[in-house]
């Protein structure tokens, strides 16, 4: 993944989506519409992004051009 500029999907959303919290806790993470895993913390999201080629992804978590947080507050991983 090129860190220079995010490459949005056709829908105009950010290339990284942290979905709403699951009933058992954690949030699914998608990178370019592909499932990356279930995150229980920011560290999990950063690891998924590192594996996808973004070694300094922690800096991107609060950038809405890169990361869309759906169905809840950013950085919170528990349902409810």
PDB file of N, CA and C in Angstrom:
ATOM      1  N   UNK A   1       0.849  -1.172   0.000  1.00  0.00           N
ATOM      2  CA  UNK A   1       0.000   0.000   0.000  1.00  0.00           C
ATOM      3  C   UNK A   1       0.893   1.234   0.000  1.00  0.00           C
ATOM      4  N   UNK A   2       0.622   2.150  -0.885  1.00  0.00           N
ATOM      5  CA  UNK A   2       1.392   3.383  -0.978  1.00  0.00           C
ATOM      6  C   UNK A   2       0.971   4.343   0.117  1.00  0.00           C
ATOM      7  N   UNK A   3       1.894   4.770   0.950  1.00  0.00           N
ATOM      8  CA  UNK A   3       1.562   5.624   2.076  1.00  0.00           C
ATOM      9  C   UNK A   3       1.349   7.068   1.651  1.00  0.00           C
ATOM     10  N   UNK A   4       1.808   7.442   0.464  1.00  0.00           N
ATOM     11  CA  UNK A   4       1.713   8.825   0.024  1.00  0.00           C
ATOM     12  C   UNK A   4       0.299   9.367   0.056  1.00  0.00           C
ATOM     13  N   UNK A   5      -0.632   8.698  -0.571  1.00  0.00           N
ATOM     14  CA  UNK A   5      -2.015   9.125  -0.592  1.00  0.00           C
ATOM     15  C   UNK A   5      -2.901   7.897  -0.508  1.00  0.00           C
ATOM     16  N   UNK A   6      -3.999   7.998   0.242  1.00  0.00           N
ATOM     17  CA  UNK A   6      -4.908   6.861   0.295  1.00  0.00           C
ATOM     18  C   UNK A   6      -5.571   6.675  -1.049  1.00  0.00           C
ATOM     19  N   UNK A   7      -5.859   5.445  -1.386  1.00  0.00           N
ATOM     20  CA  UNK A   7      -6.576   5.166  -2.620  1.00  0.00           C
ATOM     21  C   UNK A   7      -7.960   4.690  -2.246  1.00  0.00           C
ATOM     22  N   UNK A   8      -8.929   5.596  -2.353  1.00  0.00           N
ATOM     23  CA  UNK A   8     -10.290   5.302  -1.952  1.00  0.00           C
ATOM     24  C   UNK A   8     -10.942   4.312  -2.888  1.00  0.00           C
ATOM     25  N   UNK A   9     -11.902   3.602  -2.346  1.00  0.00           N
ATOM     26  CA  UNK A   9     -12.703   2.705  -3.155  1.00  0.00           C
ATOM     27  C   UNK A   9     -13.649   3.560  -3.989  1.00  0.00           C
ATOM     28  N   UNK A  10     -14.370   2.945  -4.899  1.00  0.00           N
ATOM     29  CA  UNK A  10     -15.286   3.668  -5.757  1.00  0.00           C
ATOM     30  C   UNK A  10     -16.344   4.425  -4.958  1.00  0.00           C
ATOM     31  N   UNK A  11     -16.693   3.959  -3.778  1.00  0.00           N
ATOM     32  CA  UNK A  11     -17.725   4.597  -2.974  1.00  0.00           C
ATOM     33  C   UNK A  11     -17.243   5.883  -2.321  1.00  0.00           C
ATOM     34  N   UNK A  12     -15.949   6.176  -2.384  1.00  0.00           N
ATOM     35  CA  UNK A  12     -15.419   7.394  -1.804  1.00  0.00           C
ATOM     36  C   UNK A  12     -15.033   7.253  -0.347  1.00  0.00           C
ATOM     37  N   UNK A  13     -15.106   6.053   0.195  1.00  0.00           N
ATOM     38  CA  UNK A  13     -14.753   5.851   1.593  1.00  0.00           C
ATOM     39  C   UNK A  13     -13.251   5.672   1.740  1.00  0.00           C
ATOM     40  N   UNK A  14     -12.797   5.762   2.956  1.00  0.00           N
ATOM     41  CA  UNK A  14     -11.379   5.547   3.249  1.00  0.00           C
ATOM     42  C   UNK A  14     -11.002   4.101   2.926  1.00  0.00           C
ATOM     43  N   UNK A  15      -9.737   3.849   2.587  1.00  0.00           N
ATOM     44  CA  UNK A  15      -9.329   2.482   2.244  1.00  0.00           C
ATOM     45  C   UNK A  15      -9.312   1.527   3.437  1.00  0.00           C
ATOM     46  N   UNK A  16      -9.308   2.067   4.652  1.00  0.00           N
ATOM     47  CA  UNK A  16      -9.298   1.239   5.864  1.00  0.00           C
ATOM     48  C   UNK A  16     -10.590   1.521   6.617  1.00  0.00           C
ATOM     49  N   UNK A  17     -11.325   0.466   6.946  1.00  0.00           N
ATOM     50  CA  UNK A  17     -12.583   0.626   7.675  1.00  0.00           C
ATOM     51  C   UNK A  17     -12.517  -0.208   8.945  1.00  0.00           C
ATOM     52  N   UNK A  18     -12.796   0.452  10.070  1.00  0.00           N
ATOM     53  CA  UNK A  18     -12.944  -0.238  11.353  1.00  0.00           C
ATOM     54  C   UNK A  18     -14.455  -0.258  11.605  1.00  0.00           C
ATOM     55  N   UNK A  19     -15.044  -1.446  11.514  1.00  0.00           N
ATOM     56  CA  UNK A  19     -16.494  -1.611  11.573  1.00  0.00           C
ATOM     57  C   UNK A  19     -16.999  -1.522  13.017  1.00  0.00           C
ATOM     58  N   UNK A  20     -18.318  -1.471  13.138  1.00  0.00           N
ATOM     59  CA  UNK A  20     -18.935  -1.371  14.476  1.00  0.00           C
ATOM     60  C   UNK A  20     -18.530  -2.561  15.334  1.00  0.00           C
ATOM     61  N   UNK A  21     -18.551  -2.364  16.640  1.00  0.00           N
ATOM     62  CA  UNK A  21     -18.146  -3.403  17.586  1.00  0.00           C
ATOM     63  C   UNK A  21     -19.061  -4.616  17.480  1.00  0.00           C
ATOM     64  N   UNK A  22     -18.466  -5.779  17.574  1.00  0.00           N
ATOM     65  CA  UNK A  22     -19.208  -7.043  17.543  1.00  0.00           C
ATOM     66  C   UNK A  22     -19.812  -7.309  18.918  1.00  0.00           C
ATOM     67  N   UNK A  23     -20.830  -8.151  18.978  1.00  0.00           N
ATOM     68  CA  UNK A  23     -21.492  -8.463  20.234  1.00  0.00           C
ATOM     69  C   UNK A  23     -20.554  -8.993  21.301  1.00  0.00           C
ATOM     70  N   UNK A  24     -19.559  -9.777  20.910  1.00  0.00           N
ATOM     71  CA  UNK A  24     -18.604 -10.340  21.853  1.00  0.00           C
ATOM     72  C   UNK A  24     -17.386  -9.469  22.083  1.00  0.00           C
ATOM     73  N   UNK A  25     -17.397  -8.278  21.524  1.00  0.00           N
ATOM     74  CA  UNK A  25     -16.253  -7.379  21.647  1.00  0.00           C
ATOM     75  C   UNK A  25     -15.357  -7.447  20.428  1.00  0.00           C
ATOM     76  N   UNK A  26     -14.618  -6.421  20.224  1.00  0.00           N
ATOM     77  CA  UNK A  26     -13.741  -6.323  19.068  1.00  0.00           C
ATOM     78  C   UNK A  26     -14.462  -5.718  17.880  1.00  0.00           C
ATOM     79  N   UNK A  27     -13.674  -5.269  16.918  1.00  0.00           N
ATOM     80  CA  UNK A  27     -14.212  -4.660  15.701  1.00  0.00           C
ATOM     81  C   UNK A  27     -13.506  -5.259  14.496  1.00  0.00           C
ATOM     82  N   UNK A  28     -14.290  -5.626  13.486  1.00  0.00           N
ATOM     83  CA  UNK A  28     -13.713  -6.114  12.250  1.00  0.00           C
ATOM     84  C   UNK A  28     -12.977  -4.970  11.564  1.00  0.00           C
ATOM     85  N   UNK A  29     -11.896  -5.296  10.891  1.00  0.00           N
ATOM     86  CA  UNK A  29     -11.118  -4.309  10.145  1.00  0.00           C
ATOM     87  C   UNK A  29     -11.037  -4.777   8.702  1.00  0.00           C
ATOM     88  N   UNK A  30     -11.327  -3.857   7.776  1.00  0.00           N
ATOM     89  CA  UNK A  30     -11.216  -4.129   6.351  1.00  0.00           C
ATOM     90  C   UNK A  30     -10.197  -3.182   5.741  1.00  0.00           C
ATOM     91  N   UNK A  31      -9.396  -3.706   4.856  1.00  0.00           N
ATOM     92  CA  UNK A  31      -8.434  -2.906   4.116  1.00  0.00           C
ATOM     93  C   UNK A  31      -8.767  -3.082   2.644  1.00  0.00           C
ATOM     94  N   UNK A  32      -9.170  -1.993   2.003  1.00  0.00           N
ATOM     95  CA  UNK A  32      -9.608  -2.039   0.606  1.00  0.00           C
ATOM     96  C   UNK A  32     -10.662  -3.119   0.388  1.00  0.00           C
ATOM     97  N   UNK A  33     -11.631  -3.129   1.283  1.00  0.00           N
ATOM     98  CA  UNK A  33     -12.799  -4.020   1.225  1.00  0.00           C
ATOM     99  C   UNK A  33     -12.477  -5.490   1.488  1.00  0.00           C
ATOM    100  N   UNK A  34     -11.254  -5.806   1.871  1.00  0.00           N
ATOM    101  CA  UNK A  34     -10.894  -7.181   2.222  1.00  0.00           C
ATOM    102  C   UNK A  34     -10.739  -7.297   3.729  1.00  0.00           C
ATOM    103  N   UNK A  35     -11.300  -8.327   4.325  1.00  0.00           N
ATOM    104  CA  UNK A  35     -11.204  -8.532   5.759  1.00  0.00           C
ATOM    105  C   UNK A  35      -9.762  -8.720   6.201  1.00  0.00           C
ATOM    106  N   UNK A  36      -9.372  -7.978   7.236  1.00  0.00           N
ATOM    107  CA  UNK A  36      -8.006  -8.077   7.758  1.00  0.00           C
ATOM    108  C   UNK A  36      -7.964  -8.792   9.100  1.00  0.00           C
ATOM    109  N   UNK A  37      -9.082  -8.760   9.847  1.00  0.00           N
ATOM    110  CA  UNK A  37      -9.114  -9.427  11.134  1.00  0.00           C
ATOM    111  C   UNK A  37     -10.032  -8.733  12.109  1.00  0.00           C
ATOM    112  N   UNK A  38     -10.068  -9.247  13.323  1.00  0.00           N
ATOM    113  CA  UNK A  38     -10.879  -8.697  14.404  1.00  0.00           C
ATOM    114  C   UNK A  38      -9.943  -8.017  15.391  1.00  0.00           C
ATOM    115  N   UNK A  39     -10.124  -6.722  15.567  1.00  0.00           N
ATOM    116  CA  UNK A  39      -9.259  -5.943  16.455  1.00  0.00           C
ATOM    117  C   UNK A  39      -9.921  -5.752  17.811  1.00  0.00           C
ATOM    118  N   UNK A  40      -9.115  -5.874  18.849  1.00  0.00           N
ATOM    119  CA  UNK A  40      -9.570  -5.605  20.215  1.00  0.00           C
ATOM    120  C   UNK A  40      -8.882  -4.375  20.791  1.00  0.00           C
ATOM    121  N   UNK A  41      -7.993  -3.766  19.982  1.00  0.00           N
ATOM    122  CA  UNK A  41      -7.264  -2.571  20.419  1.00  0.00           C
ATOM    123  C   UNK A  41      -6.651  -1.903  19.193  1.00  0.00           C
ATOM    124  N   UNK A  42      -6.186  -0.669  19.393  1.00  0.00           N
ATOM    125  CA  UNK A  42      -5.469   0.027  18.324  1.00  0.00           C
ATOM    126  C   UNK A  42      -4.240  -0.765  17.891  1.00  0.00           C
ATOM    127  N   UNK A  43      -3.596  -1.429  18.822  1.00  0.00           N
ATOM    128  CA  UNK A  43      -2.397  -2.206  18.491  1.00  0.00           C
ATOM    129  C   UNK A  43      -2.729  -3.302  17.478  1.00  0.00           C
ATOM    130  N   UNK A  44      -3.911  -3.915  17.600  1.00  0.00           N
ATOM    131  CA  UNK A  44      -4.323  -4.924  16.628  1.00  0.00           C
ATOM    132  C   UNK A  44      -4.502  -4.298  15.243  1.00  0.00           C
ATOM    133  N   UNK A  45      -5.148  -3.142  15.177  1.00  0.00           N
ATOM    134  CA  UNK A  45      -5.348  -2.464  13.895  1.00  0.00           C
ATOM    135  C   UNK A  45      -3.997  -2.133  13.268  1.00  0.00           C
ATOM    136  N   UNK A  46      -3.095  -1.586  14.068  1.00  0.00           N
ATOM    137  CA  UNK A  46      -1.760  -1.231  13.570  1.00  0.00           C
ATOM    138  C   UNK A  46      -1.051  -2.473  13.030  1.00  0.00           C
ATOM    139  N   UNK A  47      -1.189  -3.596  13.706  1.00  0.00           N
ATOM    140  CA  UNK A  47      -0.549  -4.834  13.228  1.00  0.00           C
ATOM    141  C   UNK A  47      -1.142  -5.284  11.897  1.00  0.00           C
ATOM    142  N   UNK A  48      -2.466  -5.219  11.746  1.00  0.00           N
ATOM    143  CA  UNK A  48      -3.084  -5.582  10.470  1.00  0.00           C
ATOM    144  C   UNK A  48      -2.544  -4.694   9.351  1.00  0.00           C
ATOM    145  N   UNK A  49      -2.423  -3.406   9.639  1.00  0.00           N
ATOM    146  CA  UNK A  49      -1.939  -2.468   8.624  1.00  0.00           C
ATOM    147  C   UNK A  49      -0.459  -2.678   8.328  1.00  0.00           C
ATOM    148  N   UNK A  50       0.305  -3.030   9.340  1.00  0.00           N
ATOM    149  CA  UNK A  50       1.726  -3.334   9.131  1.00  0.00           C
ATOM    150  C   UNK A  50       1.855  -4.519   8.176  1.00  0.00           C
ATOM    151  N   UNK A  51       1.042  -5.541   8.401  1.00  0.00           N
ATOM    152  CA  UNK A  51       1.069  -6.720   7.531  1.00  0.00           C
ATOM    153  C   UNK A  51       0.657  -6.387   6.101  1.00  0.00           C
ATOM    154  N   UNK A  52      -0.154  -5.331   5.955  1.00  0.00           N
ATOM    155  CA  UNK A  52      -0.601  -4.905   4.629  1.00  0.00           C
ATOM    156  C   UNK A  52       0.384  -3.948   3.958  1.00  0.00           C
ATOM    157  N   UNK A  53       1.491  -3.641   4.651  1.00  0.00           N
ATOM    158  CA  UNK A  53       2.519  -2.809   4.031  1.00  0.00           C
ATOM    159  C   UNK A  53       2.613  -1.386   4.537  1.00  0.00           C
ATOM    160  N   UNK A  54       1.973  -1.082   5.657  1.00  0.00           N
ATOM    161  CA  UNK A  54       2.053   0.258   6.256  1.00  0.00           C
ATOM    162  C   UNK A  54       2.757   0.172   7.600  1.00  0.00           C
ATOM    163  N   UNK A  55       4.076   0.202   7.624  1.00  0.00           N
ATOM    164  CA  UNK A  55       4.815   0.005   8.867  1.00  0.00           C
ATOM    165  C   UNK A  55       4.580   1.084   9.926  1.00  0.00           C
ATOM    166  N   UNK A  56       4.230   2.302   9.545  1.00  0.00           N
ATOM    167  CA  UNK A  56       3.996   3.360  10.530  1.00  0.00           C
ATOM    168  C   UNK A  56       2.516   3.751  10.562  1.00  0.00           C
ATOM    169  N   UNK A  57       1.660   2.757  10.547  1.00  0.00           N
ATOM    170  CA  UNK A  57       0.222   2.950  10.450  1.00  0.00           C
ATOM    171  C   UNK A  57      -0.394   3.628  11.661  1.00  0.00           C
ATOM    172  N   UNK A  58       0.248   3.563  12.811  1.00  0.00           N
ATOM    173  CA  UNK A  58      -0.295   4.206  14.010  1.00  0.00           C
ATOM    174  C   UNK A  58      -0.561   5.683  13.805  1.00  0.00           C
ATOM    175  N   UNK A  59       0.186   6.307  12.930  1.00  0.00           N
ATOM    176  CA  UNK A  59       0.009   7.729  12.639  1.00  0.00           C
ATOM    177  C   UNK A  59      -1.250   7.998  11.817  1.00  0.00           C
ATOM    178  N   UNK A  60      -1.824   6.966  11.209  1.00  0.00           N
ATOM    179  CA  UNK A  60      -2.960   7.137  10.310  1.00  0.00           C
ATOM    180  C   UNK A  60      -4.313   6.923  10.971  1.00  0.00           C
ATOM    181  N   UNK A  61      -4.345   6.379  12.167  1.00  0.00           N
ATOM    182  CA  UNK A  61      -5.616   5.981  12.775  1.00  0.00           C
ATOM    183  C   UNK A  61      -6.610   7.121  12.942  1.00  0.00           C
ATOM    184  N   UNK A  62      -6.127   8.343  13.093  1.00  0.00           N
ATOM    185  CA  UNK A  62      -7.026   9.485  13.275  1.00  0.00           C
ATOM    186  C   UNK A  62      -7.178  10.316  12.012  1.00  0.00           C
ATOM    187  N   UNK A  63      -6.707   9.799  10.887  1.00  0.00           N
ATOM    188  CA  UNK A  63      -6.812  10.505   9.611  1.00  0.00           C
ATOM    189  C   UNK A  63      -8.006   9.957   8.832  1.00  0.00           C
ATOM    190  N   UNK A  64      -9.100  10.736   8.698  1.00  0.00           N
ATOM    191  CA  UNK A  64     -10.300  10.224   8.034  1.00  0.00           C
ATOM    192  C   UNK A  64     -10.108   9.929   6.552  1.00  0.00           C
ATOM    193  N   UNK A  65      -9.042  10.424   5.941  1.00  0.00           N
ATOM    194  CA  UNK A  65      -8.766  10.053   4.550  1.00  0.00           C
ATOM    195  C   UNK A  65      -8.264   8.620   4.461  1.00  0.00           C
ATOM    196  N   UNK A  66      -7.726   8.107   5.565  1.00  0.00           N
ATOM    197  CA  UNK A  66      -7.187   6.747   5.595  1.00  0.00           C
ATOM    198  C   UNK A  66      -8.099   5.765   6.312  1.00  0.00           C
ATOM    199  N   UNK A  67      -8.675   6.192   7.444  1.00  0.00           N
ATOM    200  CA  UNK A  67      -9.426   5.264   8.296  1.00  0.00           C
ATOM    201  C   UNK A  67     -10.825   5.803   8.560  1.00  0.00           C
ATOM    202  N   UNK A  68     -11.815   4.960   8.288  1.00  0.00           N
ATOM    203  CA  UNK A  68     -13.204   5.276   8.606  1.00  0.00           C
ATOM    204  C   UNK A  68     -13.625   4.406   9.786  1.00  0.00           C
ATOM    205  N   UNK A  69     -14.038   5.041  10.869  1.00  0.00           N
ATOM    206  CA  UNK A  69     -14.522   4.335  12.056  1.00  0.00           C
ATOM    207  C   UNK A  69     -16.039   4.299  11.968  1.00  0.00           C
ATOM    208  N   UNK A  70     -16.631   3.117  11.832  1.00  0.00           N
ATOM    209  CA  UNK A  70     -18.072   2.984  11.657  1.00  0.00           C
ATOM    210  C   UNK A  70     -18.749   2.506  12.936  1.00  0.00           C
ATOM    211  N   UNK A  71     -19.934   3.064  13.188  1.00  0.00           N
ATOM    212  CA  UNK A  71     -20.804   2.550  14.228  1.00  0.00           C
ATOM    213  C   UNK A  71     -20.286   2.658  15.647  1.00  0.00           C
ATOM    214  N   UNK A  72     -19.538   3.663  15.953  1.00  0.00           N
ATOM    215  CA  UNK A  72     -19.052   3.851  17.316  1.00  0.00           C
ATOM    216  C   UNK A  72     -17.894   4.824  17.343  1.00  0.00           C
ATOM    217  N   UNK A  73     -17.449   5.101  18.526  1.00  0.00           N
ATOM    218  CA  UNK A  73     -16.346   6.042  18.702  1.00  0.00           C
ATOM    219  C   UNK A  73     -15.024   5.411  18.279  1.00  0.00           C
ATOM    220  N   UNK A  74     -14.155   6.216  17.681  1.00  0.00           N
ATOM    221  CA  UNK A  74     -12.819   5.708  17.359  1.00  0.00           C
ATOM    222  C   UNK A  74     -12.095   5.229  18.616  1.00  0.00           C
ATOM    223  N   UNK A  75     -11.317   4.199  18.461  1.00  0.00           N
ATOM    224  CA  UNK A  75     -10.453   3.653  19.510  1.00  0.00           C
ATOM    225  C   UNK A  75     -11.197   2.925  20.622  1.00  0.00           C
ATOM    226  N   UNK A  76     -12.511   2.670  20.455  1.00  0.00           N
ATOM    227  CA  UNK A  76     -13.258   1.882  21.432  1.00  0.00           C
ATOM    228  C   UNK A  76     -13.657   0.573  20.767  1.00  0.00           C
ATOM    229  N   UNK A  77     -13.426  -0.521  21.462  1.00  0.00           N
ATOM    230  CA  UNK A  77     -13.560  -1.845  20.845  1.00  0.00           C
ATOM    231  C   UNK A  77     -14.607  -2.736  21.499  1.00  0.00           C
ATOM    232  N   UNK A  78     -15.292  -2.263  22.532  1.00  0.00           N
ATOM    233  CA  UNK A  78     -16.315  -3.064  23.207  1.00  0.00           C
ATOM    234  C   UNK A  78     -17.688  -2.648  22.717  1.00  0.00           C
ATOM    235  N   UNK A  79     -18.570  -3.625  22.516  1.00  0.00           N
ATOM    236  CA  UNK A  79     -19.955  -3.332  22.139  1.00  0.00           C
ATOM    237  C   UNK A  79     -20.665  -2.731  23.348  1.00  0.00           C
ATOM    238  N   UNK A  80     -21.559  -1.803  23.064  1.00  0.00           N
ATOM    239  CA  UNK A  80     -22.378  -1.259  24.146  1.00  0.00           C
ATOM    240  C   UNK A  80     -22.065   0.058  24.493  1.00  0.00           C
TER     241      UNK A  80
END
